[in-house]
Structure formats: structure tokens, C-alpha cells
Amino acid sequence: MRRLGDLLPEAAAALGIEEELRLARAMSAWERIVAEHVPAAAGASQLIALRGDQLLVSAASTAIASELRLRGVVLLGALAAAPGGLRARELRAVVRQAGPGRRDGGPV
């Protein structure tokens, strides 16, 4: 009997959504890694995309974005070591802008 997690890459390949699966796994790993390495940023940042060798993340405030940038090398190393090993050379943290009707700066 095979585990579901072992079947997902094959199913994603058959559907042509390997990159989406890779990004979804990286997003989940990002949350765990941030909670471990930068507890103050837990729940206040989100992995948005991987563009070339640059990891793009959003942060709820400039303080959180700065902390993520300062710990970028550690965070990128931990993400590369996580299952699925998403590798990037640079972490770019951007501050979320408050959308219409939003006061917390969170995504709309």
C-alpha cells in the first residue's frame, strides 16, 4: 500500500500541476519554518512566489519584513532542507498594503 503523499507528485504530473504542488508544499513548510525561527512573524508572513532564484514573501508590517530579511539566510537554508527542498538565493519581503475596507494590512 502506498501513502497518499507518495502518489501526489505522480497525480500532479499527470494533471500538469507540478509547479503548483511544489509551491503549495513550500507555503506549508514556510509557515512551520517561520514559526520555529522567527516566532514573532508566525502568522504575519506568507510565501507568495518563487521567481527565478528569489523567494517572494509578504509581511504584515515593516518590522516583520525587516526581521525576515535579517534572518533570510537561515530561513532559506531551512526551506532548502525541508521535504521537497525549495532552493532560493534571495529572500524578498514586501509589506502587505491595506486593501479597500481593510485596516489590518492583510490580503484582500
PDB file of N, CA and C in Angstrom:
ATOM      1  N   MET A   1       0.846  -1.171   0.000  1.00  0.00           N
ATOM      2  CA  MET A   1       0.000   0.000   0.000  1.00  0.00           C
ATOM      3  C   MET A   1       0.899   1.244   0.000  1.00  0.00           C
ATOM      4  N   ARG A   2       0.581   2.204  -0.850  1.00  0.00           N
ATOM      5  CA  ARG A   2       1.359   3.442  -0.941  1.00  0.00           C
ATOM      6  C   ARG A   2       0.661   4.561  -0.187  1.00  0.00           C
ATOM      7  N   ARG A   3       1.474   5.449   0.353  1.00  0.00           N
ATOM      8  CA  ARG A   3       0.929   6.606   1.063  1.00  0.00           C
ATOM      9  C   ARG A   3       0.413   7.634   0.060  1.00  0.00           C
ATOM     10  N   LEU A   4      -0.585   8.388   0.465  1.00  0.00           N
ATOM     11  CA  LEU A   4      -1.152   9.423  -0.388  1.00  0.00           C
ATOM     12  C   LEU A   4      -0.097  10.438  -0.790  1.00  0.00           C
ATOM     13  N   GLY A   5       0.761  10.817   0.148  1.00  0.00           N
ATOM     14  CA  GLY A   5       1.814  11.786  -0.136  1.00  0.00           C
ATOM     15  C   GLY A   5       2.768  11.322  -1.224  1.00  0.00           C
ATOM     16  N   ASP A   6       2.920   9.999  -1.360  1.00  0.00           N
ATOM     17  CA  ASP A   6       3.775   9.451  -2.407  1.00  0.00           C
ATOM     18  C   ASP A   6       3.087   9.477  -3.766  1.00  0.00           C
ATOM     19  N   LEU A   7       1.766   9.483  -3.761  1.00  0.00           N
ATOM     20  CA  LEU A   7       1.006   9.490  -5.015  1.00  0.00           C
ATOM     21  C   LEU A   7       0.814  10.887  -5.595  1.00  0.00           C
ATOM     22  N   LEU A   8       0.870  11.905  -4.735  1.00  0.00           N
ATOM     23  CA  LEU A   8       0.595  13.267  -5.191  1.00  0.00           C
ATOM     24  C   LEU A   8       1.503  13.739  -6.322  1.00  0.00           C
ATOM     25  N   PRO A   9       2.821  13.533  -6.265  1.00  0.00           N
ATOM     26  CA  PRO A   9       3.656  14.002  -7.378  1.00  0.00           C
ATOM     27  C   PRO A   9       3.276  13.376  -8.723  1.00  0.00           C
ATOM     28  N   GLU A  10       2.938  12.085  -8.701  1.00  0.00           N
ATOM     29  CA  GLU A  10       2.525  11.425  -9.934  1.00  0.00           C
ATOM     30  C   GLU A  10       1.217  12.016 -10.464  1.00  0.00           C
ATOM     31  N   ALA A  11       0.268  12.231  -9.562  1.00  0.00           N
ATOM     32  CA  ALA A  11      -1.017  12.807  -9.965  1.00  0.00           C
ATOM     33  C   ALA A  11      -0.826  14.230 -10.476  1.00  0.00           C
ATOM     34  N   ALA A  12       0.007  15.010  -9.809  1.00  0.00           N
ATOM     35  CA  ALA A  12       0.267  16.389 -10.242  1.00  0.00           C
ATOM     36  C   ALA A  12       0.913  16.406 -11.615  1.00  0.00           C
ATOM     37  N   ALA A  13       1.845  15.480 -11.848  1.00  0.00           N
ATOM     38  CA  ALA A  13       2.489  15.406 -13.165  1.00  0.00           C
ATOM     39  C   ALA A  13       1.475  15.056 -14.246  1.00  0.00           C
ATOM     40  N   ALA A  14       0.595  14.118 -13.947  1.00  0.00           N
ATOM     41  CA  ALA A  14      -0.421  13.719 -14.919  1.00  0.00           C
ATOM     42  C   ALA A  14      -1.370  14.868 -15.243  1.00  0.00           C
ATOM     43  N   LEU A  15      -1.612  15.729 -14.255  1.00  0.00           N
ATOM     44  CA  LEU A  15      -2.515  16.863 -14.452  1.00  0.00           C
ATOM     45  C   LEU A  15      -1.796  18.125 -14.928  1.00  0.00           C
ATOM     46  N   GLY A  16      -0.472  18.076 -14.945  1.00  0.00           N
ATOM     47  CA  GLY A  16       0.300  19.240 -15.373  1.00  0.00           C
ATOM     48  C   GLY A  16       0.364  20.348 -14.332  1.00  0.00           C
ATOM     49  N   ILE A  17       0.274  19.976 -13.053  1.00  0.00           N
ATOM     50  CA  ILE A  17       0.283  20.993 -11.995  1.00  0.00           C
ATOM     51  C   ILE A  17       1.430  20.771 -10.999  1.00  0.00           C
ATOM     52  N   GLU A  18       2.569  20.290 -11.506  1.00  0.00           N
ATOM     53  CA  GLU A  18       3.703  20.038 -10.616  1.00  0.00           C
ATOM     54  C   GLU A  18       4.161  21.306  -9.903  1.00  0.00           C
ATOM     55  N   GLU A  19       4.224  22.406 -10.635  1.00  0.00           N
ATOM     56  CA  GLU A  19       4.716  23.659 -10.037  1.00  0.00           C
ATOM     57  C   GLU A  19       3.774  24.158  -8.945  1.00  0.00           C
ATOM     58  N   GLU A  20       2.473  24.006  -9.150  1.00  0.00           N
ATOM     59  CA  GLU A  20       1.507  24.414  -8.139  1.00  0.00           C
ATOM     60  C   GLU A  20       1.641  23.566  -6.878  1.00  0.00           C
ATOM     61  N   LEU A  21       1.852  22.268  -7.044  1.00  0.00           N
ATOM     62  CA  LEU A  21       2.055  21.386  -5.895  1.00  0.00           C
ATOM     63  C   LEU A  21       3.336  21.764  -5.160  1.00  0.00           C
ATOM     64  N   ARG A  22       4.383  22.034  -5.905  1.00  0.00           N
ATOM     65  CA  ARG A  22       5.660  22.428  -5.299  1.00  0.00           C
ATOM     66  C   ARG A  22       5.499  23.710  -4.483  1.00  0.00           C
ATOM     67  N   LEU A  23       4.793  24.690  -5.030  1.00  0.00           N
ATOM     68  CA  LEU A  23       4.578  25.949  -4.321  1.00  0.00           C
ATOM     69  C   LEU A  23       3.700  25.742  -3.085  1.00  0.00           C
ATOM     70  N   ALA A  24       2.670  24.923  -3.190  1.00  0.00           N
ATOM     71  CA  ALA A  24       1.791  24.651  -2.046  1.00  0.00           C
ATOM     72  C   ALA A  24       2.568  23.987  -0.913  1.00  0.00           C
ATOM     73  N   ARG A  25       3.430  23.049  -1.244  1.00  0.00           N
ATOM     74  CA  ARG A  25       4.253  22.402  -0.216  1.00  0.00           C
ATOM     75  C   ARG A  25       5.214  23.410   0.417  1.00  0.00           C
ATOM     76  N   ALA A  26       5.786  24.275  -0.415  1.00  0.00           N
ATOM     77  CA  ALA A  26       6.707  25.287   0.101  1.00  0.00           C
ATOM     78  C   ALA A  26       5.981  26.267   1.017  1.00  0.00           C
ATOM     79  N   MET A  27       4.749  26.630   0.683  1.00  0.00           N
ATOM     80  CA  MET A  27       3.971  27.537   1.528  1.00  0.00           C
ATOM     81  C   MET A  27       3.726  26.931   2.901  1.00  0.00           C
ATOM     82  N   SER A  28       3.404  25.650   2.924  1.00  0.00           N
ATOM     83  CA  SER A  28       3.178  24.965   4.188  1.00  0.00           C
ATOM     84  C   SER A  28       4.474  24.892   4.999  1.00  0.00           C
ATOM     85  N   ALA A  29       5.565  24.562   4.329  1.00  0.00           N
ATOM     86  CA  ALA A  29       6.864  24.494   5.004  1.00  0.00           C
ATOM     87  C   ALA A  29       7.268  25.869   5.523  1.00  0.00           C
ATOM     88  N   TRP A  30       6.988  26.920   4.753  1.00  0.00           N
ATOM     89  CA  TRP A  30       7.337  28.287   5.162  1.00  0.00           C
ATOM     90  C   TRP A  30       6.696  28.628   6.499  1.00  0.00           C
ATOM     91  N   GLU A  31       5.426  28.310   6.649  1.00  0.00           N
ATOM     92  CA  GLU A  31       4.722  28.604   7.906  1.00  0.00           C
ATOM     93  C   GLU A  31       5.392  27.927   9.098  1.00  0.00           C
ATOM     94  N   ARG A  32       5.766  26.662   8.932  1.00  0.00           N
ATOM     95  CA  ARG A  32       6.428  25.930  10.016  1.00  0.00           C
ATOM     96  C   ARG A  32       7.815  26.508  10.311  1.00  0.00           C
ATOM     97  N   ILE A  33       8.555  26.827   9.270  1.00  0.00           N
ATOM     98  CA  ILE A  33       9.917  27.341   9.426  1.00  0.00           C
ATOM     99  C   ILE A  33       9.912  28.706  10.096  1.00  0.00           C
ATOM    100  N   VAL A  34       9.003  29.585   9.686  1.00  0.00           N
ATOM    101  CA  VAL A  34       8.920  30.912  10.297  1.00  0.00           C
ATOM    102  C   VAL A  34       8.530  30.784  11.761  1.00  0.00           C
ATOM    103  N   ALA A  35       7.585  29.927  12.071  1.00  0.00           N
ATOM    104  CA  ALA A  35       7.170  29.736  13.467  1.00  0.00           C
ATOM    105  C   ALA A  35       8.333  29.271  14.325  1.00  0.00           C
ATOM    106  N   GLU A  36       9.208  28.465  13.753  1.00  0.00           N
ATOM    107  CA  GLU A  36      10.359  27.952  14.502  1.00  0.00           C
ATOM    108  C   GLU A  36      11.483  28.974  14.633  1.00  0.00           C
ATOM    109  N   HIS A  37      11.798  29.674  13.546  1.00  0.00           N
ATOM    110  CA  HIS A  37      12.973  30.553  13.519  1.00  0.00           C
ATOM    111  C   HIS A  37      12.686  32.021  13.825  1.00  0.00           C
ATOM    112  N   VAL A  38      11.472  32.474  13.544  1.00  0.00           N
ATOM    113  CA  VAL A  38      11.091  33.872  13.795  1.00  0.00           C
ATOM    114  C   VAL A  38       9.680  33.872  14.382  1.00  0.00           C
ATOM    115  N   PRO A  39       9.537  33.445  15.626  1.00  0.00           N
ATOM    116  CA  PRO A  39       8.200  33.307  16.216  1.00  0.00           C
ATOM    117  C   PRO A  39       7.345  34.576  16.130  1.00  0.00           C
ATOM    118  N   ALA A  40       7.966  35.737  16.202  1.00  0.00           N
ATOM    119  CA  ALA A  40       7.198  36.983  16.126  1.00  0.00           C
ATOM    120  C   ALA A  40       6.521  37.153  14.769  1.00  0.00           C
ATOM    121  N   ALA A  41       7.040  36.478  13.756  1.00  0.00           N
ATOM    122  CA  ALA A  41       6.477  36.596  12.407  1.00  0.00           C
ATOM    123  C   ALA A  41       5.490  35.484  12.083  1.00  0.00           C
ATOM    124  N   ALA A  42       5.292  34.556  13.010  1.00  0.00           N
ATOM    125  CA  ALA A  42       4.370  33.444  12.764  1.00  0.00           C
ATOM    126  C   ALA A  42       2.963  33.995  12.521  1.00  0.00           C
ATOM    127  N   GLY A  43       2.396  33.632  11.395  1.00  0.00           N
ATOM    128  CA  GLY A  43       1.067  34.108  11.038  1.00  0.00           C
ATOM    129  C   GLY A  43       1.060  35.509  10.446  1.00  0.00           C
ATOM    130  N   ALA A  44       2.200  36.168  10.427  1.00  0.00           N
ATOM    131  CA  ALA A  44       2.278  37.540   9.920  1.00  0.00           C
ATOM    132  C   ALA A  44       3.058  37.616   8.614  1.00  0.00           C
ATOM    133  N   SER A  45       3.371  36.452   8.041  1.00  0.00           N
ATOM    134  CA  SER A  45       4.042  36.435   6.743  1.00  0.00           C
ATOM    135  C   SER A  45       3.486  35.286   5.924  1.00  0.00           C
ATOM    136  N   GLN A  46       3.668  35.409   4.618  1.00  0.00           N
ATOM    137  CA  GLN A  46       3.149  34.390   3.713  1.00  0.00           C
ATOM    138  C   GLN A  46       4.063  34.292   2.506  1.00  0.00           C
ATOM    139  N   LEU A  47       4.409  33.073   2.124  1.00  0.00           N
ATOM    140  CA  LEU A  47       5.169  32.858   0.905  1.00  0.00           C
ATOM    141  C   LEU A  47       4.237  33.116  -0.268  1.00  0.00           C
ATOM    142  N   ILE A  48       4.668  33.975  -1.185  1.00  0.00           N
ATOM    143  CA  ILE A  48       3.829  34.334  -2.324  1.00  0.00           C
ATOM    144  C   ILE A  48       4.251  33.598  -3.580  1.00  0.00           C
ATOM    145  N   ALA A  49       5.563  33.614  -3.879  1.00  0.00           N
ATOM    146  CA  ALA A  49       6.023  33.039  -5.137  1.00  0.00           C
ATOM    147  C   ALA A  49       7.512  32.771  -5.096  1.00  0.00           C
ATOM    148  N   LEU A  50       7.950  31.966  -6.042  1.00  0.00           N
ATOM    149  CA  LEU A  50       9.361  31.768  -6.314  1.00  0.00           C
ATOM    150  C   LEU A  50       9.589  32.289  -7.719  1.00  0.00           C
ATOM    151  N   ARG A  51      10.390  33.330  -7.829  1.00  0.00           N
ATOM    152  CA  ARG A  51      10.680  33.952  -9.131  1.00  0.00           C
ATOM    153  C   ARG A  51      12.159  33.792  -9.412  1.00  0.00           C
ATOM    154  N   GLY A  52      12.473  32.851 -10.273  1.00  0.00           N
ATOM    155  CA  GLY A  52      13.876  32.549 -10.527  1.00  0.00           C
ATOM    156  C   GLY A  52      14.498  32.006  -9.262  1.00  0.00           C
ATOM    157  N   ASP A  53      15.540  32.683  -8.775  1.00  0.00           N
ATOM    158  CA  ASP A  53      16.174  32.246  -7.529  1.00  0.00           C
ATOM    159  C   ASP A  53      15.797  33.153  -6.365  1.00  0.00           C
ATOM    160  N   GLN A  54      14.697  33.886  -6.516  1.00  0.00           N
ATOM    161  CA  GLN A  54      14.230  34.813  -5.482  1.00  0.00           C
ATOM    162  C   GLN A  54      12.916  34.312  -4.885  1.00  0.00           C
ATOM    163  N   LEU A  55      12.888  34.234  -3.550  1.00  0.00           N
ATOM    164  CA  LEU A  55      11.686  33.850  -2.821  1.00  0.00           C
ATOM    165  C   LEU A  55      10.964  35.125  -2.424  1.00  0.00           C
ATOM    166  N   LEU A  56       9.721  35.269  -2.822  1.00  0.00           N
ATOM    167  CA  LEU A  56       8.935  36.461  -2.518  1.00  0.00           C
ATOM    168  C   LEU A  56       7.942  36.136  -1.412  1.00  0.00           C
ATOM    169  N   VAL A  57       8.026  36.909  -0.313  1.00  0.00           N
ATOM    170  CA  VAL A  57       7.110  36.725   0.810  1.00  0.00           C
ATOM    171  C   VAL A  57       6.470  38.056   1.157  1.00  0.00           C
ATOM    172  N   SER A  58       5.257  37.995   1.690  1.00  0.00           N
ATOM    173  CA  SER A  58       4.596  39.205   2.165  1.00  0.00           C
ATOM    174  C   SER A  58       4.678  39.226   3.677  1.00  0.00           C
ATOM    175  N   ALA A  59       4.684  40.428   4.222  1.00  0.00           N
ATOM    176  CA  ALA A  59       4.745  40.605   5.673  1.00  0.00           C
ATOM    177  C   ALA A  59       3.673  41.603   6.078  1.00  0.00           C
ATOM    178  N   ALA A  60       3.170  41.433   7.295  1.00  0.00           N
ATOM    179  CA  ALA A  60       2.087  42.283   7.784  1.00  0.00           C
ATOM    180  C   ALA A  60       2.563  43.671   8.190  1.00  0.00           C
ATOM    181  N   SER A  61       3.871  43.843   8.408  1.00  0.00           N
ATOM    182  CA  SER A  61       4.381  45.147   8.815  1.00  0.00           C
ATOM    183  C   SER A  61       5.831  45.292   8.364  1.00  0.00           C
ATOM    184  N   THR A  62       6.327  46.527   8.426  1.00  0.00           N
ATOM    185  CA  THR A  62       7.727  46.757   8.057  1.00  0.00           C
ATOM    186  C   THR A  62       8.667  46.075   9.049  1.00  0.00           C
ATOM    187  N   ALA A  63       8.284  46.014  10.314  1.00  0.00           N
ATOM    188  CA  ALA A  63       9.121  45.349  11.316  1.00  0.00           C
ATOM    189  C   ALA A  63       9.261  43.859  11.008  1.00  0.00           C
ATOM    190  N   ILE A  64       8.163  43.216  10.635  1.00  0.00           N
ATOM    191  CA  ILE A  64       8.194  41.792  10.298  1.00  0.00           C
ATOM    192  C   ILE A  64       9.020  41.590   9.029  1.00  0.00           C
ATOM    193  N   ALA A  65       8.816  42.443   8.032  1.00  0.00           N
ATOM    194  CA  ALA A  65       9.584  42.329   6.785  1.00  0.00           C
ATOM    195  C   ALA A  65      11.076  42.466   7.064  1.00  0.00           C
ATOM    196  N   SER A  66      11.447  43.407   7.908  1.00  0.00           N
ATOM    197  CA  SER A  66      12.858  43.607   8.256  1.00  0.00           C
ATOM    198  C   SER A  66      13.432  42.392   8.959  1.00  0.00           C
ATOM    199  N   GLU A  67      12.684  41.830   9.890  1.00  0.00           N
ATOM    200  CA  GLU A  67      13.147  40.651  10.620  1.00  0.00           C
ATOM    201  C   GLU A  67      13.333  39.471   9.671  1.00  0.00           C
ATOM    202  N   LEU A  68      12.419  39.296   8.733  1.00  0.00           N
ATOM    203  CA  LEU A  68      12.546  38.216   7.761  1.00  0.00           C
ATOM    204  C   LEU A  68      13.779  38.412   6.891  1.00  0.00           C
ATOM    205  N   ARG A  69      14.028  39.643   6.465  1.00  0.00           N
ATOM    206  CA  ARG A  69      15.220  39.931   5.661  1.00  0.00           C
ATOM    207  C   ARG A  69      16.496  39.656   6.452  1.00  0.00           C
ATOM    208  N   LEU A  70      16.515  40.075   7.717  1.00  0.00           N
ATOM    209  CA  LEU A  70      17.694  39.859   8.553  1.00  0.00           C
ATOM    210  C   LEU A  70      17.998  38.378   8.753  1.00  0.00           C
ATOM    211  N   ARG A  71      16.966  37.569   8.826  1.00  0.00           N
ATOM    212  CA  ARG A  71      17.141  36.130   9.043  1.00  0.00           C
ATOM    213  C   ARG A  71      17.004  35.333   7.753  1.00  0.00           C
ATOM    214  N   GLY A  72      17.106  36.023   6.639  1.00  0.00           N
ATOM    215  CA  GLY A  72      16.912  35.393   5.333  1.00  0.00           C
ATOM    216  C   GLY A  72      17.777  34.187   5.065  1.00  0.00           C
ATOM    217  N   VAL A  73      19.055  34.254   5.395  1.00  0.00           N
ATOM    218  CA  VAL A  73      19.954  33.133   5.124  1.00  0.00           C
ATOM    219  C   VAL A  73      19.506  31.892   5.886  1.00  0.00           C
ATOM    220  N   VAL A  74      19.142  32.060   7.139  1.00  0.00           N
ATOM    221  CA  VAL A  74      18.687  30.928   7.960  1.00  0.00           C
ATOM    222  C   VAL A  74      17.373  30.378   7.411  1.00  0.00           C
ATOM    223  N   LEU A  75      16.448  31.261   7.079  1.00  0.00           N
ATOM    224  CA  LEU A  75      15.142  30.830   6.570  1.00  0.00           C
ATOM    225  C   LEU A  75      15.283  30.096   5.238  1.00  0.00           C
ATOM    226  N   LEU A  76      16.105  30.632   4.342  1.00  0.00           N
ATOM    227  CA  LEU A  76      16.300  29.976   3.044  1.00  0.00           C
ATOM    228  C   LEU A  76      16.978  28.621   3.205  1.00  0.00           C
ATOM    229  N   GLY A  77      17.919  28.523   4.135  1.00  0.00           N
ATOM    230  CA  GLY A  77      18.561  27.237   4.397  1.00  0.00           C
ATOM    231  C   GLY A  77      17.590  26.209   4.928  1.00  0.00           C
ATOM    232  N   ALA A  78      16.736  26.633   5.844  1.00  0.00           N
ATOM    233  CA  ALA A  78      15.744  25.722   6.410  1.00  0.00           C
ATOM    234  C   ALA A  78      14.736  25.287   5.347  1.00  0.00           C
ATOM    235  N   LEU A  79      14.356  26.193   4.469  1.00  0.00           N
ATOM    236  CA  LEU A  79      13.408  25.852   3.409  1.00  0.00           C
ATOM    237  C   LEU A  79      14.036  24.873   2.418  1.00  0.00           C
ATOM    238  N   ALA A  80      15.316  25.047   2.117  1.00  0.00           N
ATOM    239  CA  ALA A  80      16.008  24.120   1.215  1.00  0.00           C
ATOM    240  C   ALA A  80      16.127  22.735   1.832  1.00  0.00           C
ATOM    241  N   ALA A  81      16.255  22.666   3.166  1.00  0.00           N
ATOM    242  CA  ALA A  81      16.392  21.385   3.863  1.00  0.00           C
ATOM    243  C   ALA A  81      15.055  20.696   4.114  1.00  0.00           C
ATOM    244  N   ALA A  82      13.967  21.414   3.958  1.00  0.00           N
ATOM    245  CA  ALA A  82      12.630  20.846   4.190  1.00  0.00           C
ATOM    246  C   ALA A  82      12.299  19.826   3.095  1.00  0.00           C
ATOM    247  N   PRO A  83      11.372  18.913   3.380  1.00  0.00           N
ATOM    248  CA  PRO A  83      10.952  17.962   2.339  1.00  0.00           C
ATOM    249  C   PRO A  83      10.497  18.702   1.081  1.00  0.00           C
ATOM    250  N   GLY A  84      10.997  18.291  -0.038  1.00  0.00           N
ATOM    251  CA  GLY A  84      10.691  18.976  -1.289  1.00  0.00           C
ATOM    252  C   GLY A  84      11.748  19.990  -1.650  1.00  0.00           C
ATOM    253  N   GLY A  85      12.547  20.413  -0.689  1.00  0.00           N
ATOM    254  CA  GLY A  85      13.711  21.263  -0.876  1.00  0.00           C
ATOM    255  C   GLY A  85      13.602  22.405  -1.864  1.00  0.00           C
ATOM    256  N   LEU A  86      12.859  23.418  -1.533  1.00  0.00           N
ATOM    257  CA  LEU A  86      12.755  24.602  -2.385  1.00  0.00           C
ATOM    258  C   LEU A  86      13.988  25.469  -2.164  1.00  0.00           C
ATOM    259  N   ARG A  87      14.779  25.654  -3.208  1.00  0.00           N
ATOM    260  CA  ARG A  87      16.024  26.414  -3.088  1.00  0.00           C
ATOM    261  C   ARG A  87      15.887  27.789  -3.716  1.00  0.00           C
ATOM    262  N   ALA A  88      16.367  28.781  -2.981  1.00  0.00           N
ATOM    263  CA  ALA A  88      16.384  30.161  -3.464  1.00  0.00           C
ATOM    264  C   ALA A  88      17.640  30.823  -2.917  1.00  0.00           C
ATOM    265  N   ARG A  89      18.137  31.820  -3.609  1.00  0.00           N
ATOM    266  CA  ARG A  89      19.340  32.539  -3.171  1.00  0.00           C
ATOM    267  C   ARG A  89      19.024  33.823  -2.431  1.00  0.00           C
ATOM    268  N   GLU A  90      17.828  34.345  -2.677  1.00  0.00           N
ATOM    269  CA  GLU A  90      17.479  35.645  -2.103  1.00  0.00           C
ATOM    270  C   GLU A  90      16.056  35.606  -1.565  1.00  0.00           C
ATOM    271  N   LEU A  91      15.853  36.254  -0.422  1.00  0.00           N
ATOM    272  CA  LEU A  91      14.520  36.388   0.147  1.00  0.00           C
ATOM    273  C   LEU A  91      14.107  37.846   0.001  1.00  0.00           C
ATOM    274  N   ARG A  92      12.994  38.074  -0.645  1.00  0.00           N
ATOM    275  CA  ARG A  92      12.459  39.423  -0.798  1.00  0.00           C
ATOM    276  C   ARG A  92      11.164  39.500  -0.016  1.00  0.00           C
ATOM    277  N   ALA A  93      11.145  40.356   0.997  1.00  0.00           N
ATOM    278  CA  ALA A  93       9.949  40.525   1.823  1.00  0.00           C
ATOM    279  C   ALA A  93       9.308  41.865   1.495  1.00  0.00           C
ATOM    280  N   VAL A  94       8.033  41.838   1.174  1.00  0.00           N
ATOM    281  CA  VAL A  94       7.286  43.053   0.874  1.00  0.00           C
ATOM    282  C   VAL A  94       6.174  43.211   1.901  1.00  0.00           C
ATOM    283  N   VAL A  95       5.848  44.450   2.201  1.00  0.00           N
ATOM    284  CA  VAL A  95       4.808  44.737   3.188  1.00  0.00           C
ATOM    285  C   VAL A  95       3.461  44.737   2.490  1.00  0.00           C
ATOM    286  N   ARG A  96       2.512  44.025   3.072  1.00  0.00           N
ATOM    287  CA  ARG A  96       1.145  43.997   2.535  1.00  0.00           C
ATOM    288  C   ARG A  96       0.544  45.387   2.629  1.00  0.00           C
ATOM    289  N   GLN A  97      -0.150  45.759   1.611  1.00  0.00           N
ATOM    290  CA  GLN A  97      -0.858  47.041   1.614  1.00  0.00           C
ATOM    291  C   GLN A  97      -2.299  46.800   2.022  1.00  0.00           C
ATOM    292  N   ALA A  98      -2.837  47.712   2.802  1.00  0.00           N
ATOM    293  CA  ALA A  98      -4.240  47.599   3.196  1.00  0.00           C
ATOM    294  C   ALA A  98      -5.106  47.792   1.964  1.00  0.00           C
ATOM    295  N   GLY A  99      -6.042  46.896   1.779  1.00  0.00           N
ATOM    296  CA  GLY A  99      -6.950  46.980   0.641  1.00  0.00           C
ATOM    297  C   GLY A  99      -8.198  47.753   1.022  1.00  0.00           C
ATOM    298  N   PRO A 100      -9.105  47.990   0.071  1.00  0.00           N
ATOM    299  CA  PRO A 100     -10.350  48.686   0.366  1.00  0.00           C
ATOM    300  C   PRO A 100     -11.126  47.990   1.462  1.00  0.00           C
ATOM    301  N   GLY A 101     -11.497  48.724   2.469  1.00  0.00           N
ATOM    302  CA  GLY A 101     -12.271  48.168   3.560  1.00  0.00           C
ATOM    303  C   GLY A 101     -11.436  47.390   4.566  1.00  0.00           C
ATOM    304  N   ARG A 102     -10.108  47.360   4.392  1.00  0.00           N
ATOM    305  CA  ARG A 102      -9.244  46.625   5.310  1.00  0.00           C
ATOM    306  C   ARG A 102      -8.425  47.604   6.145  1.00  0.00           C
ATOM    307  N   ARG A 103      -8.282  47.322   7.406  1.00  0.00           N
ATOM    308  CA  ARG A 103      -7.467  48.159   8.279  1.00  0.00           C
ATOM    309  C   ARG A 103      -6.230  47.429   8.781  1.00  0.00           C
ATOM    310  N   ASP A 104      -6.202  46.103   8.615  1.00  0.00           N
ATOM    311  CA  ASP A 104      -5.112  45.325   9.196  1.00  0.00           C
ATOM    312  C   ASP A 104      -3.948  45.081   8.237  1.00  0.00           C
ATOM    313  N   GLY A 105      -4.050  45.547   7.005  1.00  0.00           N
ATOM    314  CA  GLY A 105      -2.971  45.342   6.056  1.00  0.00           C
ATOM    315  C   GLY A 105      -2.947  43.937   5.476  1.00  0.00           C
ATOM    316  N   GLY A 106      -3.918  43.096   5.845  1.00  0.00           N
ATOM    317  CA  GLY A 106      -3.955  41.718   5.368  1.00  0.00           C
ATOM    318  C   GLY A 106      -4.398  41.639   3.937  1.00  0.00           C
ATOM    319  N   PRO A 107      -4.218  40.478   3.314  1.00  0.00           N
ATOM    320  CA  PRO A 107      -4.647  40.340   1.931  1.00  0.00           C
ATOM    321  C   PRO A 107      -6.150  40.469   1.797  1.00  0.00           C
ATOM    322  N   VAL A 108      -6.569  41.005   0.701  1.00  0.00           N
ATOM    323  CA  VAL A 108      -7.996  41.226   0.463  1.00  0.00           C
ATOM    324  C   VAL A 108      -8.610  39.974  -0.097  1.00  0.00           C
TER     325      VAL A 108
END
